[in-house]
Amino acid sequence: MPLYRLAHSRTGDKGNRSNISVIAWHPDLWEVLVGGVTEAAVARHFAARRPKQVTRYLLPQLQAMNFVIDDVLDGGVNDALNLDSHGKALSFLLLGMAVQVPAALMNRLAGPAGE
C-alpha cells in the first residue's frame, strides 16, 4: 500500500538536509508506520539520491515521526542544478513508498478503497 494511504507529511529543508515528518491518518496505523517506515527503509527508498544518513525521531503521542535526511538535496536549494530539490518534493517521493498493511486495518486507510 502506498504510504500516502496511511499518513500525510510536512517538510522543511535547510542547506543540504531535508526534514520530513510522517503523520498517521488514524492512531490505529501508528504501529504499522513504526514497523514499516524505518531509517533503513527510507534510506533504501532514497538510494538514488545517495543520502549520507537517515535519522528517525518517533513522536508516539502525535502518532508521528520525523526523518532528518542528510546530503539529499544536491548541495541545497541554492546550490542545486536540478529544478526542484526542495524538501517538499521529497515528501511526495516518500509518500509513494510501499508499506505492508494488515487486512484488519484496511478500513483505517485514507482515500478511496479502490486505490
N, C-alpha and C. Protein backbone atom coordinates (compact mmCIF):
# COMPACT_ATOMS: atom_id res chain seq x y z
N MET A 1 0.86 -1.16 0.00
CA MET A 1 0.00 0.00 0.00
C MET A 1 0.91 1.23 0.00
N PRO A 2 0.62 2.25 -0.79
CA PRO A 2 1.46 3.45 -0.74
C PRO A 2 1.29 4.17 0.60
N LEU A 3 2.37 4.71 1.08
CA LEU A 3 2.40 5.38 2.38
C LEU A 3 1.35 6.48 2.50
N TYR A 4 1.03 7.17 1.42
CA TYR A 4 0.06 8.26 1.50
C TYR A 4 -1.33 7.79 1.92
N ARG A 5 -1.61 6.49 1.81
CA ARG A 5 -2.89 5.97 2.29
C ARG A 5 -2.91 5.83 3.82
N LEU A 6 -1.70 5.77 4.44
CA LEU A 6 -1.58 5.62 5.89
C LEU A 6 -1.28 6.93 6.60
N ALA A 7 -0.66 7.88 5.88
CA ALA A 7 -0.13 9.07 6.55
C ALA A 7 -0.04 10.25 5.59
N HIS A 8 0.10 11.42 6.19
CA HIS A 8 0.40 12.63 5.42
C HIS A 8 1.74 13.15 5.90
N SER A 9 2.21 14.22 5.29
CA SER A 9 3.58 14.64 5.55
C SER A 9 3.71 16.16 5.59
N ARG A 10 4.70 16.63 6.33
CA ARG A 10 5.12 18.03 6.35
C ARG A 10 6.63 18.00 6.17
N THR A 11 7.16 19.03 5.55
CA THR A 11 8.59 19.02 5.27
C THR A 11 9.23 20.38 5.49
N GLY A 12 10.54 20.34 5.50
CA GLY A 12 11.35 21.53 5.52
C GLY A 12 12.73 21.18 5.01
N ASP A 13 13.49 22.17 4.70
CA ASP A 13 14.86 21.93 4.27
C ASP A 13 15.74 23.08 4.71
N LYS A 14 16.98 22.76 4.96
CA LYS A 14 17.98 23.75 5.34
C LYS A 14 19.30 23.26 4.80
N GLY A 15 19.90 24.02 3.91
CA GLY A 15 21.15 23.59 3.32
C GLY A 15 20.94 22.31 2.54
N ASN A 16 21.72 21.30 2.85
CA ASN A 16 21.66 20.02 2.15
C ASN A 16 20.94 18.96 2.98
N ARG A 17 20.10 19.38 3.90
CA ARG A 17 19.37 18.48 4.80
C ARG A 17 17.87 18.65 4.60
N SER A 18 17.18 17.52 4.48
CA SER A 18 15.73 17.54 4.40
C SER A 18 15.14 16.98 5.69
N ASN A 19 14.07 17.58 6.13
CA ASN A 19 13.37 17.20 7.34
C ASN A 19 11.95 16.83 6.91
N ILE A 20 11.58 15.54 7.05
CA ILE A 20 10.27 15.07 6.59
C ILE A 20 9.53 14.43 7.76
N SER A 21 8.38 14.98 8.09
CA SER A 21 7.52 14.40 9.12
C SER A 21 6.46 13.54 8.45
N VAL A 22 6.16 12.40 9.07
CA VAL A 22 5.14 11.47 8.59
C VAL A 22 4.13 11.34 9.74
N ILE A 23 2.87 11.67 9.45
CA ILE A 23 1.83 11.71 10.49
C ILE A 23 0.70 10.76 10.11
N ALA A 24 0.38 9.82 10.99
CA ALA A 24 -0.66 8.81 10.71
C ALA A 24 -2.01 9.47 10.51
N TRP A 25 -2.77 8.97 9.54
CA TRP A 25 -4.14 9.43 9.35
C TRP A 25 -5.04 8.97 10.50
N HIS A 26 -4.69 7.83 11.08
CA HIS A 26 -5.50 7.28 12.18
C HIS A 26 -4.56 6.67 13.21
N PRO A 27 -4.84 6.85 14.52
CA PRO A 27 -3.96 6.29 15.55
C PRO A 27 -3.72 4.79 15.42
N ASP A 28 -4.69 4.04 14.91
CA ASP A 28 -4.52 2.59 14.76
C ASP A 28 -3.42 2.23 13.77
N LEU A 29 -3.03 3.16 12.91
CA LEU A 29 -2.00 2.90 11.91
C LEU A 29 -0.58 3.16 12.42
N TRP A 30 -0.47 3.70 13.63
CA TRP A 30 0.83 4.09 14.18
C TRP A 30 1.83 2.93 14.21
N GLU A 31 1.45 1.79 14.75
CA GLU A 31 2.38 0.66 14.86
C GLU A 31 2.82 0.16 13.49
N VAL A 32 1.94 0.22 12.50
CA VAL A 32 2.31 -0.18 11.14
C VAL A 32 3.38 0.78 10.61
N LEU A 33 3.20 2.07 10.87
CA LEU A 33 4.20 3.05 10.43
C LEU A 33 5.55 2.82 11.11
N VAL A 34 5.52 2.60 12.42
CA VAL A 34 6.77 2.37 13.16
C VAL A 34 7.52 1.16 12.61
N GLY A 35 6.79 0.10 12.31
CA GLY A 35 7.42 -1.12 11.81
C GLY A 35 7.85 -1.04 10.35
N GLY A 36 7.14 -0.26 9.54
CA GLY A 36 7.41 -0.25 8.11
C GLY A 36 8.21 0.93 7.59
N VAL A 37 8.11 2.06 8.26
CA VAL A 37 8.80 3.27 7.78
C VAL A 37 10.01 3.51 8.69
N THR A 38 11.00 2.68 8.50
CA THR A 38 12.21 2.70 9.32
C THR A 38 13.29 3.54 8.66
N GLU A 39 14.36 3.80 9.40
CA GLU A 39 15.50 4.51 8.83
C GLU A 39 16.04 3.76 7.61
N ALA A 40 16.19 2.45 7.74
CA ALA A 40 16.73 1.64 6.65
C ALA A 40 15.80 1.66 5.43
N ALA A 41 14.49 1.56 5.64
CA ALA A 41 13.54 1.58 4.53
C ALA A 41 13.56 2.92 3.82
N VAL A 42 13.63 4.00 4.57
CA VAL A 42 13.68 5.33 3.96
C VAL A 42 14.99 5.53 3.21
N ALA A 43 16.10 5.08 3.77
CA ALA A 43 17.40 5.17 3.08
C ALA A 43 17.35 4.40 1.76
N ARG A 44 16.75 3.21 1.76
CA ARG A 44 16.61 2.43 0.52
C ARG A 44 15.73 3.17 -0.49
N HIS A 45 14.65 3.76 0.01
CA HIS A 45 13.72 4.46 -0.87
C HIS A 45 14.38 5.67 -1.54
N PHE A 46 15.31 6.30 -0.84
CA PHE A 46 16.02 7.47 -1.37
C PHE A 46 17.40 7.12 -1.93
N ALA A 47 17.68 5.85 -2.13
CA ALA A 47 19.02 5.41 -2.54
C ALA A 47 19.54 6.14 -3.77
N ALA A 48 18.69 6.44 -4.74
CA ALA A 48 19.13 7.13 -5.95
C ALA A 48 19.65 8.54 -5.66
N ARG A 49 19.21 9.12 -4.54
CA ARG A 49 19.67 10.47 -4.16
C ARG A 49 20.89 10.40 -3.25
N ARG A 50 21.31 9.19 -2.89
CA ARG A 50 22.51 8.93 -2.10
C ARG A 50 22.56 9.73 -0.78
N PRO A 51 21.58 9.54 0.10
CA PRO A 51 21.64 10.23 1.39
C PRO A 51 22.83 9.74 2.21
N LYS A 52 23.46 10.66 2.90
CA LYS A 52 24.60 10.29 3.76
C LYS A 52 24.10 9.59 5.02
N GLN A 53 23.00 10.07 5.57
CA GLN A 53 22.46 9.50 6.80
C GLN A 53 20.97 9.79 6.88
N VAL A 54 20.22 8.83 7.43
CA VAL A 54 18.79 9.00 7.71
C VAL A 54 18.59 8.74 9.19
N THR A 55 18.02 9.72 9.89
CA THR A 55 17.75 9.59 11.32
C THR A 55 16.25 9.75 11.54
N ARG A 56 15.66 8.83 12.30
CA ARG A 56 14.22 8.88 12.59
C ARG A 56 14.01 9.24 14.06
N TYR A 57 13.07 10.15 14.29
CA TYR A 57 12.65 10.52 15.64
C TYR A 57 11.17 10.19 15.77
N LEU A 58 10.83 9.36 16.75
CA LEU A 58 9.44 8.96 16.96
C LEU A 58 8.73 9.93 17.91
N LEU A 59 7.49 10.24 17.58
CA LEU A 59 6.64 11.11 18.40
C LEU A 59 5.32 10.37 18.64
N PRO A 60 5.35 9.35 19.52
CA PRO A 60 4.18 8.47 19.66
C PRO A 60 2.90 9.17 20.13
N GLN A 61 3.01 10.21 20.94
CA GLN A 61 1.79 10.89 21.40
C GLN A 61 1.06 11.56 20.24
N LEU A 62 1.79 11.87 19.17
CA LEU A 62 1.20 12.50 17.99
C LEU A 62 0.98 11.50 16.86
N GLN A 63 1.35 10.24 17.07
CA GLN A 63 1.33 9.22 16.02
C GLN A 63 2.08 9.76 14.79
N ALA A 64 3.28 10.30 15.05
CA ALA A 64 4.08 10.92 14.00
C ALA A 64 5.54 10.53 14.17
N MET A 65 6.28 10.71 13.11
CA MET A 65 7.73 10.51 13.14
C MET A 65 8.36 11.58 12.27
N ASN A 66 9.59 11.90 12.59
CA ASN A 66 10.32 12.91 11.84
C ASN A 66 11.61 12.29 11.33
N PHE A 67 11.88 12.46 10.05
CA PHE A 67 13.11 11.98 9.44
C PHE A 67 14.00 13.17 9.10
N VAL A 68 15.26 13.08 9.48
CA VAL A 68 16.26 14.03 9.06
C VAL A 68 17.16 13.28 8.08
N ILE A 69 17.20 13.77 6.85
CA ILE A 69 17.94 13.08 5.78
C ILE A 69 19.06 14.01 5.32
N ASP A 70 20.29 13.59 5.57
CA ASP A 70 21.47 14.42 5.26
C ASP A 70 21.99 14.20 3.85
N ASP A 71 22.46 15.28 3.26
CA ASP A 71 23.10 15.27 1.94
C ASP A 71 22.20 14.68 0.86
N VAL A 72 20.95 15.12 0.84
CA VAL A 72 19.98 14.57 -0.10
C VAL A 72 19.43 15.63 -1.06
N LEU A 73 19.86 16.89 -0.90
CA LEU A 73 19.28 17.98 -1.69
C LEU A 73 20.24 18.53 -2.75
N ASP A 74 21.13 17.69 -3.24
CA ASP A 74 22.06 18.10 -4.31
C ASP A 74 22.84 19.36 -3.94
N GLY A 75 23.25 19.48 -2.68
CA GLY A 75 24.01 20.64 -2.23
C GLY A 75 23.15 21.71 -1.59
N GLY A 76 21.85 21.58 -1.67
CA GLY A 76 20.95 22.57 -1.10
C GLY A 76 20.19 23.30 -2.19
N VAL A 77 19.11 23.93 -1.80
CA VAL A 77 18.22 24.59 -2.75
C VAL A 77 18.98 25.63 -3.59
N ASN A 78 19.85 26.41 -2.98
CA ASN A 78 20.55 27.46 -3.72
C ASN A 78 21.71 26.94 -4.55
N ASP A 79 22.23 25.75 -4.24
CA ASP A 79 23.38 25.20 -4.96
C ASP A 79 23.01 24.17 -6.01
N ALA A 80 21.83 23.61 -5.94
CA ALA A 80 21.45 22.50 -6.82
C ALA A 80 21.23 22.98 -8.26
N LEU A 81 21.58 22.14 -9.20
CA LEU A 81 21.36 22.45 -10.60
C LEU A 81 20.03 21.91 -11.11
N ASN A 82 19.40 21.01 -10.34
CA ASN A 82 18.11 20.49 -10.81
C ASN A 82 17.00 21.49 -10.52
N LEU A 83 15.81 21.26 -11.06
CA LEU A 83 14.74 22.23 -10.97
C LEU A 83 14.05 22.27 -9.62
N ASP A 84 14.02 21.15 -8.89
CA ASP A 84 13.32 21.16 -7.61
C ASP A 84 13.97 20.21 -6.63
N SER A 85 14.85 20.75 -5.81
CA SER A 85 15.48 19.93 -4.78
C SER A 85 14.95 20.26 -3.40
N HIS A 86 13.84 20.98 -3.34
CA HIS A 86 13.25 21.33 -2.05
C HIS A 86 12.74 20.08 -1.32
N GLY A 87 12.68 20.17 0.00
CA GLY A 87 12.17 19.08 0.81
C GLY A 87 10.75 18.70 0.48
N LYS A 88 9.93 19.66 0.02
CA LYS A 88 8.54 19.36 -0.28
C LYS A 88 8.42 18.32 -1.39
N ALA A 89 9.28 18.39 -2.37
CA ALA A 89 9.27 17.40 -3.45
C ALA A 89 9.66 16.03 -2.90
N LEU A 90 10.56 16.00 -1.93
CA LEU A 90 10.99 14.73 -1.36
C LEU A 90 9.90 14.09 -0.51
N SER A 91 9.04 14.89 0.12
CA SER A 91 7.94 14.29 0.90
C SER A 91 6.99 13.56 -0.03
N PHE A 92 6.77 14.09 -1.21
CA PHE A 92 5.93 13.41 -2.19
C PHE A 92 6.56 12.08 -2.59
N LEU A 93 7.88 12.09 -2.78
CA LEU A 93 8.60 10.86 -3.10
C LEU A 93 8.45 9.84 -1.97
N LEU A 94 8.61 10.28 -0.72
CA LEU A 94 8.50 9.36 0.42
C LEU A 94 7.09 8.79 0.54
N LEU A 95 6.06 9.62 0.32
CA LEU A 95 4.68 9.14 0.46
C LEU A 95 4.30 8.09 -0.59
N GLY A 96 5.14 7.89 -1.59
CA GLY A 96 4.92 6.83 -2.56
C GLY A 96 5.51 5.50 -2.16
N MET A 97 6.24 5.47 -1.04
CA MET A 97 6.88 4.24 -0.56
C MET A 97 5.83 3.19 -0.20
N ALA A 98 6.09 1.94 -0.53
CA ALA A 98 5.15 0.86 -0.22
C ALA A 98 5.30 0.42 1.24
N VAL A 99 4.16 0.19 1.89
CA VAL A 99 4.11 -0.25 3.29
C VAL A 99 3.12 -1.42 3.38
N GLN A 100 3.50 -2.47 4.11
CA GLN A 100 2.60 -3.60 4.34
C GLN A 100 1.55 -3.21 5.37
N VAL A 101 0.28 -3.46 5.07
CA VAL A 101 -0.81 -3.12 5.97
C VAL A 101 -1.64 -4.37 6.25
N PRO A 102 -1.83 -4.72 7.53
CA PRO A 102 -2.67 -5.87 7.85
C PRO A 102 -4.11 -5.65 7.35
N ALA A 103 -4.74 -6.70 6.90
CA ALA A 103 -6.11 -6.62 6.38
C ALA A 103 -7.07 -6.00 7.38
N ALA A 104 -6.87 -6.25 8.66
CA ALA A 104 -7.76 -5.72 9.69
C ALA A 104 -7.74 -4.20 9.79
N LEU A 105 -6.71 -3.56 9.24
CA LEU A 105 -6.60 -2.09 9.32
C LEU A 105 -6.96 -1.39 8.01
N MET A 106 -7.37 -2.13 7.01
CA MET A 106 -7.68 -1.52 5.72
C MET A 106 -8.77 -0.45 5.82
N ASN A 107 -9.70 -0.59 6.75
CA ASN A 107 -10.76 0.40 6.90
C ASN A 107 -10.27 1.70 7.54
N ARG A 108 -9.01 1.75 7.97
CA ARG A 108 -8.45 2.96 8.57
C ARG A 108 -7.66 3.80 7.56
N LEU A 109 -7.50 3.29 6.34
CA LEU A 109 -6.70 3.99 5.33
C LEU A 109 -7.45 5.19 4.77
N ALA A 110 -6.70 6.18 4.36
CA ALA A 110 -7.28 7.35 3.72
C ALA A 110 -7.45 7.08 2.23
N GLY A 111 -8.38 7.77 1.61
CA GLY A 111 -8.59 7.65 0.17
C GLY A 111 -9.59 6.57 -0.18
N PRO A 112 -9.96 6.53 -1.46
CA PRO A 112 -10.94 5.53 -1.90
C PRO A 112 -10.41 4.10 -1.78
N ALA A 113 -11.25 3.18 -1.47
CA ALA A 113 -10.86 1.78 -1.28
C ALA A 113 -10.30 1.17 -2.55
N GLY A 114 -10.66 1.67 -3.71
CA GLY A 114 -10.19 1.11 -4.96
C GLY A 114 -8.78 1.51 -5.35
N GLU A 115 -8.14 2.39 -4.60
CA GLU A 115 -6.77 2.84 -4.95
C GLU A 115 -5.76 1.79 -4.70
